[in-house]
Amino acid sequence: MTWERVACHKEFGEMGFQNFKAFNHTMVANQGWSIMSKPESLVARVFKSRYFPRSSFLGAKLGYNPSFPWRSI
């Protein structure tokens, strides 16, 4: 899709994204919330075992050689 179509308001039948940076931050924060609220999910267990095995999600450090998704979250 072109930027003009994506950024057009919803009232005109398009997607309505105005600020992709803010939208991306929202989606990444949603992933973090999902990891905290559903610790039994596969993604949460994989991230916990790899990036914060002895701490909580909020206390986790970036670590050595982090993946792109973990750096984003």
PDB file of N, CA and C in Angstrom:
ATOM      1  N   MET A   1       0.839  -1.187   0.000  1.00  0.00           N
ATOM      2  CA  MET A   1       0.000   0.000   0.000  1.00  0.00           C
ATOM      3  C   MET A   1       0.879   1.243   0.000  1.00  0.00           C
ATOM      4  N   THR A   2       0.369   2.270  -0.567  1.00  0.00           N
ATOM      5  CA  THR A   2       1.100   3.530  -0.558  1.00  0.00           C
ATOM      6  C   THR A   2       0.905   4.221   0.784  1.00  0.00           C
ATOM      7  N   TRP A   3       1.830   5.103   1.123  1.00  0.00           N
ATOM      8  CA  TRP A   3       1.748   5.837   2.382  1.00  0.00           C
ATOM      9  C   TRP A   3       0.479   6.678   2.430  1.00  0.00           C
ATOM     10  N   GLU A   4       0.109   7.279   1.321  1.00  0.00           N
ATOM     11  CA  GLU A   4      -1.088   8.121   1.291  1.00  0.00           C
ATOM     12  C   GLU A   4      -2.335   7.317   1.660  1.00  0.00           C
ATOM     13  N   ARG A   5      -2.396   6.092   1.209  1.00  0.00           N
ATOM     14  CA  ARG A   5      -3.552   5.254   1.517  1.00  0.00           C
ATOM     15  C   ARG A   5      -3.525   4.763   2.963  1.00  0.00           C
ATOM     16  N   VAL A   6      -2.364   4.405   3.446  1.00  0.00           N
ATOM     17  CA  VAL A   6      -2.244   3.917   4.820  1.00  0.00           C
ATOM     18  C   VAL A   6      -2.514   5.032   5.821  1.00  0.00           C
ATOM     19  N   ALA A   7      -2.028   6.241   5.541  1.00  0.00           N
ATOM     20  CA  ALA A   7      -2.151   7.349   6.486  1.00  0.00           C
ATOM     21  C   ALA A   7      -3.488   8.070   6.407  1.00  0.00           C
ATOM     22  N   CYS A   8      -4.313   7.722   5.461  1.00  0.00           N
ATOM     23  CA  CYS A   8      -5.616   8.360   5.324  1.00  0.00           C
ATOM     24  C   CYS A   8      -6.503   7.976   6.518  1.00  0.00           C
ATOM     25  N   HIS A   9      -7.379   8.872   6.929  1.00  0.00           N
ATOM     26  CA  HIS A   9      -8.239   8.626   8.094  1.00  0.00           C
ATOM     27  C   HIS A   9      -9.187   7.457   7.876  1.00  0.00           C
ATOM     28  N   LYS A  10      -9.557   6.822   8.991  1.00  0.00           N
ATOM     29  CA  LYS A  10     -10.473   5.686   8.939  1.00  0.00           C
ATOM     30  C   LYS A  10     -11.832   6.074   8.367  1.00  0.00           C
ATOM     31  N   GLU A  11     -12.238   7.294   8.617  1.00  0.00           N
ATOM     32  CA  GLU A  11     -13.553   7.725   8.132  1.00  0.00           C
ATOM     33  C   GLU A  11     -13.638   7.698   6.605  1.00  0.00           C
ATOM     34  N   PHE A  12     -12.477   7.684   5.958  1.00  0.00           N
ATOM     35  CA  PHE A  12     -12.442   7.582   4.496  1.00  0.00           C
ATOM     36  C   PHE A  12     -12.208   6.145   4.044  1.00  0.00           C
ATOM     37  N   GLY A  13     -12.269   5.194   4.971  1.00  0.00           N
ATOM     38  CA  GLY A  13     -12.185   3.794   4.620  1.00  0.00           C
ATOM     39  C   GLY A  13     -10.781   3.222   4.557  1.00  0.00           C
ATOM     40  N   GLU A  14      -9.807   3.947   5.024  1.00  0.00           N
ATOM     41  CA  GLU A  14      -8.431   3.454   4.980  1.00  0.00           C
ATOM     42  C   GLU A  14      -8.003   3.015   6.378  1.00  0.00           C
ATOM     43  N   MET A  15      -6.703   2.717   6.562  1.00  0.00           N
ATOM     44  CA  MET A  15      -6.218   2.146   7.819  1.00  0.00           C
ATOM     45  C   MET A  15      -6.125   3.161   8.949  1.00  0.00           C
ATOM     46  N   GLY A  16      -5.816   4.392   8.666  1.00  0.00           N
ATOM     47  CA  GLY A  16      -5.840   5.432   9.684  1.00  0.00           C
ATOM     48  C   GLY A  16      -4.584   5.575  10.512  1.00  0.00           C
ATOM     49  N   PHE A  17      -3.452   5.022  10.082  1.00  0.00           N
ATOM     50  CA  PHE A  17      -2.206   5.199  10.827  1.00  0.00           C
ATOM     51  C   PHE A  17      -1.640   6.584  10.541  1.00  0.00           C
ATOM     52  N   GLN A  18      -1.371   7.335  11.580  1.00  0.00           N
ATOM     53  CA  GLN A  18      -0.808   8.665  11.404  1.00  0.00           C
ATOM     54  C   GLN A  18       0.670   8.696  11.780  1.00  0.00           C
ATOM     55  N   ASN A  19       1.033   7.915  12.777  1.00  0.00           N
ATOM     56  CA  ASN A  19       2.391   7.956  13.288  1.00  0.00           C
ATOM     57  C   ASN A  19       2.864   6.515  13.483  1.00  0.00           C
ATOM     58  N   PHE A  20       3.648   6.016  12.538  1.00  0.00           N
ATOM     59  CA  PHE A  20       4.080   4.627  12.619  1.00  0.00           C
ATOM     60  C   PHE A  20       5.006   4.377  13.804  1.00  0.00           C
ATOM     61  N   LYS A  21       5.778   5.373  14.201  1.00  0.00           N
ATOM     62  CA  LYS A  21       6.672   5.190  15.344  1.00  0.00           C
ATOM     63  C   LYS A  21       5.850   4.937  16.612  1.00  0.00           C
ATOM     64  N   ALA A  22       4.817   5.721  16.825  1.00  0.00           N
ATOM     65  CA  ALA A  22       3.952   5.529  17.992  1.00  0.00           C
ATOM     66  C   ALA A  22       3.211   4.197  17.900  1.00  0.00           C
ATOM     67  N   PHE A  23       2.780   3.839  16.701  1.00  0.00           N
ATOM     68  CA  PHE A  23       2.098   2.562  16.506  1.00  0.00           C
ATOM     69  C   PHE A  23       3.032   1.409  16.833  1.00  0.00           C
ATOM     70  N   ASN A  24       4.282   1.491  16.385  1.00  0.00           N
ATOM     71  CA  ASN A  24       5.263   0.442  16.666  1.00  0.00           C
ATOM     72  C   ASN A  24       5.539   0.334  18.163  1.00  0.00           C
ATOM     73  N   HIS A  25       5.678   1.462  18.852  1.00  0.00           N
ATOM     74  CA  HIS A  25       5.891   1.436  20.304  1.00  0.00           C
ATOM     75  C   HIS A  25       4.711   0.767  21.004  1.00  0.00           C
ATOM     76  N   THR A  26       3.520   1.028  20.523  1.00  0.00           N
ATOM     77  CA  THR A  26       2.333   0.410  21.103  1.00  0.00           C
ATOM     78  C   THR A  26       2.351  -1.101  20.917  1.00  0.00           C
ATOM     79  N   MET A  27       2.715  -1.557  19.738  1.00  0.00           N
ATOM     80  CA  MET A  27       2.754  -2.997  19.465  1.00  0.00           C
ATOM     81  C   MET A  27       3.848  -3.694  20.285  1.00  0.00           C
ATOM     82  N   VAL A  28       4.996  -3.053  20.438  1.00  0.00           N
ATOM     83  CA  VAL A  28       6.084  -3.626  21.239  1.00  0.00           C
ATOM     84  C   VAL A  28       5.684  -3.674  22.713  1.00  0.00           C
ATOM     85  N   ALA A  29       5.049  -2.610  23.199  1.00  0.00           N
ATOM     86  CA  ALA A  29       4.571  -2.598  24.585  1.00  0.00           C
ATOM     87  C   ALA A  29       3.528  -3.692  24.797  1.00  0.00           C
ATOM     88  N   ASN A  30       2.715  -3.930  23.794  1.00  0.00           N
ATOM     89  CA  ASN A  30       1.719  -5.001  23.875  1.00  0.00           C
ATOM     90  C   ASN A  30       2.404  -6.359  24.010  1.00  0.00           C
ATOM     91  N   GLN A  31       3.500  -6.574  23.307  1.00  0.00           N
ATOM     92  CA  GLN A  31       4.250  -7.825  23.444  1.00  0.00           C
ATOM     93  C   GLN A  31       4.817  -7.969  24.849  1.00  0.00           C
ATOM     94  N   GLY A  32       5.352  -6.882  25.399  1.00  0.00           N
ATOM     95  CA  GLY A  32       5.860  -6.917  26.767  1.00  0.00           C
ATOM     96  C   GLY A  32       4.764  -7.251  27.763  1.00  0.00           C
ATOM     97  N   TRP A  33       3.597  -6.631  27.575  1.00  0.00           N
ATOM     98  CA  TRP A  33       2.461  -6.911  28.451  1.00  0.00           C
ATOM     99  C   TRP A  33       2.043  -8.371  28.338  1.00  0.00           C
ATOM    100  N   SER A  34       2.059  -8.887  27.127  1.00  0.00           N
ATOM    101  CA  SER A  34       1.692 -10.284  26.911  1.00  0.00           C
ATOM    102  C   SER A  34       2.660 -11.225  27.630  1.00  0.00           C
ATOM    103  N   ILE A  35       3.940 -10.910  27.601  1.00  0.00           N
ATOM    104  CA  ILE A  35       4.941 -11.730  28.299  1.00  0.00           C
ATOM    105  C   ILE A  35       4.715 -11.693  29.806  1.00  0.00           C
ATOM    106  N   MET A  36       4.385 -10.525  30.335  1.00  0.00           N
ATOM    107  CA  MET A  36       4.168 -10.403  31.779  1.00  0.00           C
ATOM    108  C   MET A  36       2.856 -11.030  32.220  1.00  0.00           C
ATOM    109  N   SER A  37       1.806 -10.897  31.420  1.00  0.00           N
ATOM    110  CA  SER A  37       0.497 -11.370  31.854  1.00  0.00           C
ATOM    111  C   SER A  37       0.255 -12.852  31.550  1.00  0.00           C
ATOM    112  N   LYS A  38       1.027 -13.415  30.621  1.00  0.00           N
ATOM    113  CA  LYS A  38       0.874 -14.829  30.271  1.00  0.00           C
ATOM    114  C   LYS A  38       2.234 -15.523  30.343  1.00  0.00           C
ATOM    115  N   PRO A  39       2.771 -15.701  31.541  1.00  0.00           N
ATOM    116  CA  PRO A  39       4.112 -16.288  31.656  1.00  0.00           C
ATOM    117  C   PRO A  39       4.186 -17.748  31.222  1.00  0.00           C
ATOM    118  N   GLU A  40       3.037 -18.411  31.061  1.00  0.00           N
ATOM    119  CA  GLU A  40       3.046 -19.808  30.643  1.00  0.00           C
ATOM    120  C   GLU A  40       3.065 -19.963  29.120  1.00  0.00           C
ATOM    121  N   SER A  41       2.938 -18.856  28.380  1.00  0.00           N
ATOM    122  CA  SER A  41       2.955 -18.947  26.920  1.00  0.00           C
ATOM    123  C   SER A  41       4.347 -19.347  26.423  1.00  0.00           C
ATOM    124  N   LEU A  42       4.396 -19.909  25.236  1.00  0.00           N
ATOM    125  CA  LEU A  42       5.659 -20.383  24.674  1.00  0.00           C
ATOM    126  C   LEU A  42       6.657 -19.238  24.507  1.00  0.00           C
ATOM    127  N   VAL A  43       6.213 -18.115  23.991  1.00  0.00           N
ATOM    128  CA  VAL A  43       7.114 -16.970  23.789  1.00  0.00           C
ATOM    129  C   VAL A  43       7.676 -16.493  25.120  1.00  0.00           C
ATOM    130  N   ALA A  44       6.830 -16.380  26.128  1.00  0.00           N
ATOM    131  CA  ALA A  44       7.290 -15.920  27.446  1.00  0.00           C
ATOM    132  C   ALA A  44       8.299 -16.897  28.034  1.00  0.00           C
ATOM    133  N   ARG A  45       8.058 -18.189  27.895  1.00  0.00           N
ATOM    134  CA  ARG A  45       8.993 -19.180  28.444  1.00  0.00           C
ATOM    135  C   ARG A  45      10.325 -19.169  27.711  1.00  0.00           C
ATOM    136  N   VAL A  46      10.291 -18.994  26.384  1.00  0.00           N
ATOM    137  CA  VAL A  46      11.542 -18.942  25.614  1.00  0.00           C
ATOM    138  C   VAL A  46      12.346 -17.705  25.994  1.00  0.00           C
ATOM    139  N   PHE A  47      11.688 -16.535  26.028  1.00  0.00           N
ATOM    140  CA  PHE A  47      12.401 -15.318  26.408  1.00  0.00           C
ATOM    141  C   PHE A  47      12.940 -15.410  27.830  1.00  0.00           C
ATOM    142  N   LYS A  48      12.155 -15.972  28.745  1.00  0.00           N
ATOM    143  CA  LYS A  48      12.617 -16.100  30.128  1.00  0.00           C
ATOM    144  C   LYS A  48      13.844 -16.991  30.209  1.00  0.00           C
ATOM    145  N   SER A  49      13.822 -18.124  29.539  1.00  0.00           N
ATOM    146  CA  SER A  49      14.969 -19.028  29.621  1.00  0.00           C
ATOM    147  C   SER A  49      16.207 -18.437  28.965  1.00  0.00           C
ATOM    148  N   ARG A  50      16.022 -17.608  27.947  1.00  0.00           N
ATOM    149  CA  ARG A  50      17.165 -17.055  27.223  1.00  0.00           C
ATOM    150  C   ARG A  50      17.674 -15.749  27.825  1.00  0.00           C
ATOM    151  N   TYR A  51      16.773 -14.858  28.235  1.00  0.00           N
ATOM    152  CA  TYR A  51      17.178 -13.500  28.590  1.00  0.00           C
ATOM    153  C   TYR A  51      17.040 -13.127  30.062  1.00  0.00           C
ATOM    154  N   PHE A  52      16.167 -13.765  30.802  1.00  0.00           N
ATOM    155  CA  PHE A  52      16.049 -13.423  32.226  1.00  0.00           C
ATOM    156  C   PHE A  52      15.697 -14.649  33.053  1.00  0.00           C
ATOM    157  N   PRO A  53      16.593 -15.661  33.077  1.00  0.00           N
ATOM    158  CA  PRO A  53      16.276 -16.901  33.809  1.00  0.00           C
ATOM    159  C   PRO A  53      16.227 -16.716  35.326  1.00  0.00           C
ATOM    160  N   ARG A  54      16.958 -15.750  35.858  1.00  0.00           N
ATOM    161  CA  ARG A  54      17.007 -15.582  37.316  1.00  0.00           C
ATOM    162  C   ARG A  54      16.426 -14.252  37.780  1.00  0.00           C
ATOM    163  N   SER A  55      15.642 -13.606  36.938  1.00  0.00           N
ATOM    164  CA  SER A  55      15.025 -12.341  37.335  1.00  0.00           C
ATOM    165  C   SER A  55      13.641 -12.246  36.715  1.00  0.00           C
ATOM    166  N   SER A  56      13.006 -11.109  36.914  1.00  0.00           N
ATOM    167  CA  SER A  56      11.685 -10.891  36.324  1.00  0.00           C
ATOM    168  C   SER A  56      11.835 -10.187  34.978  1.00  0.00           C
ATOM    169  N   PHE A  57      10.752 -10.105  34.259  1.00  0.00           N
ATOM    170  CA  PHE A  57      10.758  -9.424  32.964  1.00  0.00           C
ATOM    171  C   PHE A  57      11.187  -7.970  33.108  1.00  0.00           C
ATOM    172  N   LEU A  58      10.640  -7.291  34.103  1.00  0.00           N
ATOM    173  CA  LEU A  58      10.960  -5.874  34.287  1.00  0.00           C
ATOM    174  C   LEU A  58      12.391  -5.650  34.772  1.00  0.00           C
ATOM    175  N   GLY A  59      12.987  -6.645  35.408  1.00  0.00           N
ATOM    176  CA  GLY A  59      14.358  -6.519  35.883  1.00  0.00           C
ATOM    177  C   GLY A  59      15.386  -7.058  34.911  1.00  0.00           C
ATOM    178  N   ALA A  60      14.953  -7.487  33.737  1.00  0.00           N
ATOM    179  CA  ALA A  60      15.856  -8.116  32.765  1.00  0.00           C
ATOM    180  C   ALA A  60      16.797  -7.098  32.136  1.00  0.00           C
ATOM    181  N   LYS A  61      18.011  -7.520  31.892  1.00  0.00           N
ATOM    182  CA  LYS A  61      19.008  -6.707  31.200  1.00  0.00           C
ATOM    183  C   LYS A  61      19.011  -7.093  29.728  1.00  0.00           C
ATOM    184  N   LEU A  62      19.652  -6.282  28.914  1.00  0.00           N
ATOM    185  CA  LEU A  62      19.717  -6.566  27.487  1.00  0.00           C
ATOM    186  C   LEU A  62      20.502  -7.835  27.217  1.00  0.00           C
ATOM    187  N   GLY A  63      21.584  -8.048  27.944  1.00  0.00           N
ATOM    188  CA  GLY A  63      22.343  -9.281  27.821  1.00  0.00           C
ATOM    189  C   GLY A  63      23.316  -9.289  26.664  1.00  0.00           C
ATOM    190  N   TYR A  64      23.946 -10.430  26.479  1.00  0.00           N
ATOM    191  CA  TYR A  64      24.947 -10.603  25.437  1.00  0.00           C
ATOM    192  C   TYR A  64      24.288 -11.165  24.176  1.00  0.00           C
ATOM    193  N   ASN A  65      24.542 -10.540  23.049  1.00  0.00           N
ATOM    194  CA  ASN A  65      24.040 -10.977  21.751  1.00  0.00           C
ATOM    195  C   ASN A  65      22.518 -11.152  21.735  1.00  0.00           C
ATOM    196  N   PRO A  66      21.759 -10.104  22.065  1.00  0.00           N
ATOM    197  CA  PRO A  66      20.299 -10.230  22.091  1.00  0.00           C
ATOM    198  C   PRO A  66      19.709 -10.283  20.683  1.00  0.00           C
ATOM    199  N   SER A  67      18.583 -10.938  20.545  1.00  0.00           N
ATOM    200  CA  SER A  67      17.897 -11.002  19.260  1.00  0.00           C
ATOM    201  C   SER A  67      17.210  -9.669  18.974  1.00  0.00           C
ATOM    202  N   PHE A  68      16.851  -9.456  17.717  1.00  0.00           N
ATOM    203  CA  PHE A  68      16.155  -8.230  17.359  1.00  0.00           C
ATOM    204  C   PHE A  68      14.836  -8.073  18.103  1.00  0.00           C
ATOM    205  N   PRO A  69      14.005  -9.134  18.196  1.00  0.00           N
ATOM    206  CA  PRO A  69      12.760  -8.976  18.958  1.00  0.00           C
ATOM    207  C   PRO A  69      13.001  -8.607  20.427  1.00  0.00           C
ATOM    208  N   TRP A  70      14.015  -9.216  21.059  1.00  0.00           N
ATOM    209  CA  TRP A  70      14.272  -8.882  22.459  1.00  0.00           C
ATOM    210  C   TRP A  70      14.768  -7.453  22.595  1.00  0.00           C
ATOM    211  N   ARG A  71      15.609  -6.990  21.697  1.00  0.00           N
ATOM    212  CA  ARG A  71      16.064  -5.589  21.746  1.00  0.00           C
ATOM    213  C   ARG A  71      14.882  -4.652  21.565  1.00  0.00           C
ATOM    214  N   SER A  72      13.931  -5.028  20.746  1.00  0.00           N
ATOM    215  CA  SER A  72      12.769  -4.179  20.509  1.00  0.00           C
ATOM    216  C   SER A  72      11.869  -4.102  21.718  1.00  0.00           C
ATOM    217  N   ILE A  73      11.686  -5.222  22.395  1.00  0.00           N
ATOM    218  CA  ILE A  73      10.810  -5.265  23.569  1.00  0.00           C
ATOM    219  C   ILE A  73      11.493  -4.554  24.716  1.00  0.00           C
TER     220      ILE A  73
END
